[in-house]
Amino acid sequence: MELFVGLDFPAAVSQELKRVQRALRVFDPSGAYEPKENFHLTLHYIGDVASPDALTERLLKVNRKPFELTLHELGMFDIVGGNVVWVNVRAEPRLHDLHQRISGILAELSTGKKQYSFDPHISIAYECRANISDVFSSCTVAAVTFAVSRFYLYEVSDLPEGMRFRKLNDFELKG
């Protein structure tokens, strides 16, 4: 099974991301816009594992305090075969600390793909026109602040309608 660890969002965040997608769709209706049920912020991509049991046991022991994140701005990066349009969050040391703790667990278990840099973002569209970034200045992102009190272990499913992400486990932040 293909797995990753990530954050989910409250309705206000999903609504803002959908609003930004609608604004972008005016400029590029041909892009592949992520469905709202797929919105997440990846803390660490793991890849294929036979069983999530050992990982789940270790993730239950993550001891970090809840924190807040705030949506920030649109951006884009190129990938093989296209691009990804995303919304990032304002810098928050506790988010990076949580990422580092999860990365450490994965390293101890010799699980997970090597992650080169951690640039926290929420992917909202793929395969957009190369010049879509020209309209980013007219598609502002509202600074929605939200609490992060849990993180999740997700399973990736490749369905006829596209990739879908299902929560396997949730882990409460407390500390």
Protein backbone atom coordinates (compact mmCIF):
# COMPACT_ATOMS: atom_id res chain seq x y z
CA MET A 1 0.00 0.00 0.00
CA GLU A 2 1.18 3.52 -0.84
CA LEU A 3 1.22 5.86 2.18
CA PHE A 4 1.99 9.39 3.31
CA VAL A 5 1.65 11.41 6.50
CA GLY A 6 -0.21 14.70 6.26
CA LEU A 7 -2.53 17.32 7.66
CA ASP A 8 -6.23 17.78 6.94
CA PHE A 9 -8.13 21.07 7.15
CA PRO A 10 -11.33 22.52 8.53
CA ALA A 11 -14.12 23.57 6.17
CA ALA A 12 -13.02 27.23 6.10
CA VAL A 13 -9.66 26.27 4.59
CA SER A 14 -11.23 23.96 2.00
CA GLN A 15 -13.70 26.71 1.05
CA GLU A 16 -10.87 29.19 0.53
CA LEU A 17 -8.90 26.72 -1.59
CA LYS A 18 -12.00 26.04 -3.74
CA ARG A 19 -12.52 29.81 -4.13
CA VAL A 20 -8.93 30.19 -5.36
CA GLN A 21 -9.44 27.27 -7.76
CA ARG A 22 -12.56 28.93 -9.20
CA ALA A 23 -10.60 32.15 -9.79
CA LEU A 24 -7.78 30.24 -11.51
CA ARG A 25 -10.21 28.21 -13.61
CA VAL A 26 -11.35 31.45 -15.29
CA PHE A 27 -7.82 31.81 -16.70
CA ASP A 28 -7.17 28.11 -17.31
CA PRO A 29 -10.24 25.86 -17.53
CA SER A 30 -8.10 23.01 -18.91
CA GLY A 31 -6.06 22.44 -15.73
CA ALA A 32 -6.62 19.36 -13.57
CA TYR A 33 -8.07 20.85 -10.38
CA GLU A 34 -7.76 18.79 -7.22
CA PRO A 35 -11.09 17.74 -5.64
CA LYS A 36 -11.60 19.20 -2.17
CA GLU A 37 -11.61 15.75 -0.55
CA ASN A 38 -7.95 15.44 -1.64
CA PHE A 39 -6.75 18.70 -0.05
CA HIS A 40 -3.96 18.00 2.42
CA LEU A 41 -0.50 19.18 3.41
CA THR A 42 2.06 16.38 3.11
CA LEU A 43 4.37 16.07 6.09
CA HIS A 44 6.23 13.13 4.59
CA TYR A 45 5.69 10.85 1.59
CA ILE A 46 6.38 7.25 2.55
CA GLY A 47 5.69 5.21 -0.57
CA ASP A 48 4.85 1.51 -0.67
CA VAL A 49 4.84 -0.52 2.54
CA ALA A 50 3.51 -4.01 3.20
CA SER A 51 1.85 -3.09 6.50
CA PRO A 52 1.41 0.22 8.34
CA ASP A 53 1.38 -1.40 11.81
CA ALA A 54 4.93 -0.62 12.99
CA LEU A 55 4.69 2.92 11.61
CA THR A 56 1.33 3.50 13.28
CA GLU A 57 2.70 2.29 16.61
CA ARG A 58 5.61 4.76 16.41
CA LEU A 59 3.51 7.69 15.18
CA LEU A 60 1.20 7.27 18.18
CA LYS A 61 4.18 8.29 20.34
CA VAL A 62 4.78 11.65 18.63
CA ASN A 63 4.61 14.17 21.43
CA ARG A 64 4.17 17.68 20.04
CA LYS A 65 1.91 20.55 21.04
CA PRO A 66 -0.94 21.72 18.78
CA PHE A 67 -0.26 24.89 16.78
CA GLU A 68 -1.82 27.16 14.19
CA LEU A 69 -1.11 27.62 10.50
CA THR A 70 -2.20 30.39 8.13
CA LEU A 71 -2.75 30.15 4.38
CA HIS A 72 -0.33 32.46 2.60
CA GLU A 73 0.12 32.63 -1.18
CA LEU A 74 -0.09 30.89 -4.53
CA GLY A 75 2.91 29.32 -6.18
CA MET A 76 3.86 26.79 -8.82
CA PHE A 77 6.60 24.32 -9.50
CA ASP A 78 7.36 22.17 -12.50
CA ILE A 79 7.24 18.40 -12.37
CA VAL A 80 7.87 15.77 -15.02
CA GLY A 81 5.06 16.13 -17.53
CA GLY A 82 3.58 19.40 -16.23
CA ASN A 83 3.33 21.56 -13.17
CA VAL A 84 1.70 21.85 -9.75
CA VAL A 85 -0.14 24.94 -8.57
CA TRP A 86 -0.20 25.23 -4.79
CA VAL A 87 -1.07 27.39 -1.82
CA ASN A 88 1.55 27.53 0.91
CA VAL A 89 1.30 28.39 4.59
CA ARG A 90 3.17 31.03 6.59
CA ALA A 91 6.37 29.81 8.18
CA GLU A 92 5.75 28.06 11.49
CA PRO A 93 8.62 26.44 13.40
CA ARG A 94 6.32 23.89 15.06
CA LEU A 95 5.25 22.58 11.64
CA HIS A 96 8.89 22.03 10.71
CA ASP A 97 9.52 20.41 14.09
CA LEU A 98 6.64 17.98 13.50
CA HIS A 99 8.00 17.18 10.03
CA GLN A 100 11.47 16.52 11.50
CA ARG A 101 10.07 14.22 14.19
CA ILE A 102 8.13 12.18 11.61
CA SER A 103 11.18 12.05 9.33
CA GLY A 104 13.21 10.71 12.26
CA ILE A 105 10.69 7.95 12.91
CA LEU A 106 10.71 6.96 9.25
CA ALA A 107 14.51 6.89 9.23
CA GLU A 108 14.57 4.68 12.35
CA LEU A 109 12.18 2.28 10.63
CA SER A 110 14.07 2.51 7.31
CA THR A 111 10.75 3.51 5.78
CA GLY A 112 9.86 6.34 3.46
CA LYS A 113 11.32 7.99 0.43
CA LYS A 114 14.17 10.45 0.88
CA GLN A 115 12.66 13.91 1.02
CA TYR A 116 14.96 16.62 -0.31
CA SER A 117 13.36 19.71 1.16
CA PHE A 118 10.22 20.45 3.07
CA ASP A 119 8.23 23.24 1.43
CA PRO A 120 4.81 23.01 3.09
CA HIS A 121 2.05 23.53 0.56
CA ILE A 122 -1.38 22.32 -0.52
CA SER A 123 -1.60 21.20 -4.16
CA ILE A 124 -4.71 22.61 -5.80
CA ALA A 125 -4.14 22.00 -9.53
CA TYR A 126 -1.95 20.10 -11.98
CA GLU A 127 -1.11 20.41 -15.66
CA CYS A 128 -2.07 24.06 -15.94
CA ARG A 129 -0.90 26.35 -18.72
CA ALA A 130 2.73 27.31 -18.19
CA ASN A 131 1.81 31.01 -17.95
CA ILE A 132 -0.89 30.61 -15.30
CA SER A 133 1.49 32.15 -12.77
CA ASP A 134 0.97 35.46 -14.62
CA VAL A 135 -2.46 35.71 -12.95
CA PHE A 136 -1.39 34.81 -9.41
CA SER A 137 -1.31 38.48 -8.40
CA SER A 138 -5.02 38.78 -9.21
CA CYS A 139 -5.91 35.56 -7.34
CA THR A 140 -5.07 36.46 -3.78
CA VAL A 141 -5.32 33.89 -1.01
CA ALA A 142 -7.21 34.91 2.14
CA ALA A 143 -5.08 34.50 5.25
CA VAL A 144 -7.25 31.83 6.86
CA THR A 145 -5.77 30.68 10.17
CA PHE A 146 -6.55 27.20 11.43
CA ALA A 147 -5.64 24.96 14.33
CA VAL A 148 -3.48 21.88 13.80
CA SER A 149 -4.27 19.39 16.55
CA ARG A 150 -3.99 16.13 14.60
CA PHE A 151 -2.06 14.57 11.75
CA TYR A 152 -2.98 11.55 9.65
CA LEU A 153 -1.60 8.48 7.94
CA TYR A 154 -3.13 8.39 4.45
CA GLU A 155 -3.40 5.62 1.88
CA VAL A 156 -3.19 6.54 -1.81
CA SER A 157 -5.66 4.86 -4.16
CA ASP A 158 -5.45 5.09 -7.94
CA LEU A 159 -9.12 5.10 -9.01
CA PRO A 160 -10.65 5.62 -12.46
CA GLU A 161 -11.55 9.21 -11.48
CA GLY A 162 -7.98 9.86 -10.34
CA MET A 163 -5.85 9.57 -7.22
CA ARG A 164 -7.77 9.62 -3.94
CA PHE A 165 -6.49 9.74 -0.39
CA ARG A 166 -8.04 7.85 2.51
CA LYS A 167 -7.22 8.37 6.16
CA LEU A 168 -6.04 5.15 7.78
CA ASN A 169 -5.16 6.55 11.22
CA ASP A 170 -5.21 9.83 13.03
CA PHE A 171 -2.75 11.02 15.65
CA GLU A 172 -3.51 13.68 18.22
CA LEU A 173 -0.97 16.38 18.95
CA LYS A 174 -0.60 16.82 22.67
CA GLY A 175 2.31 17.80 24.77
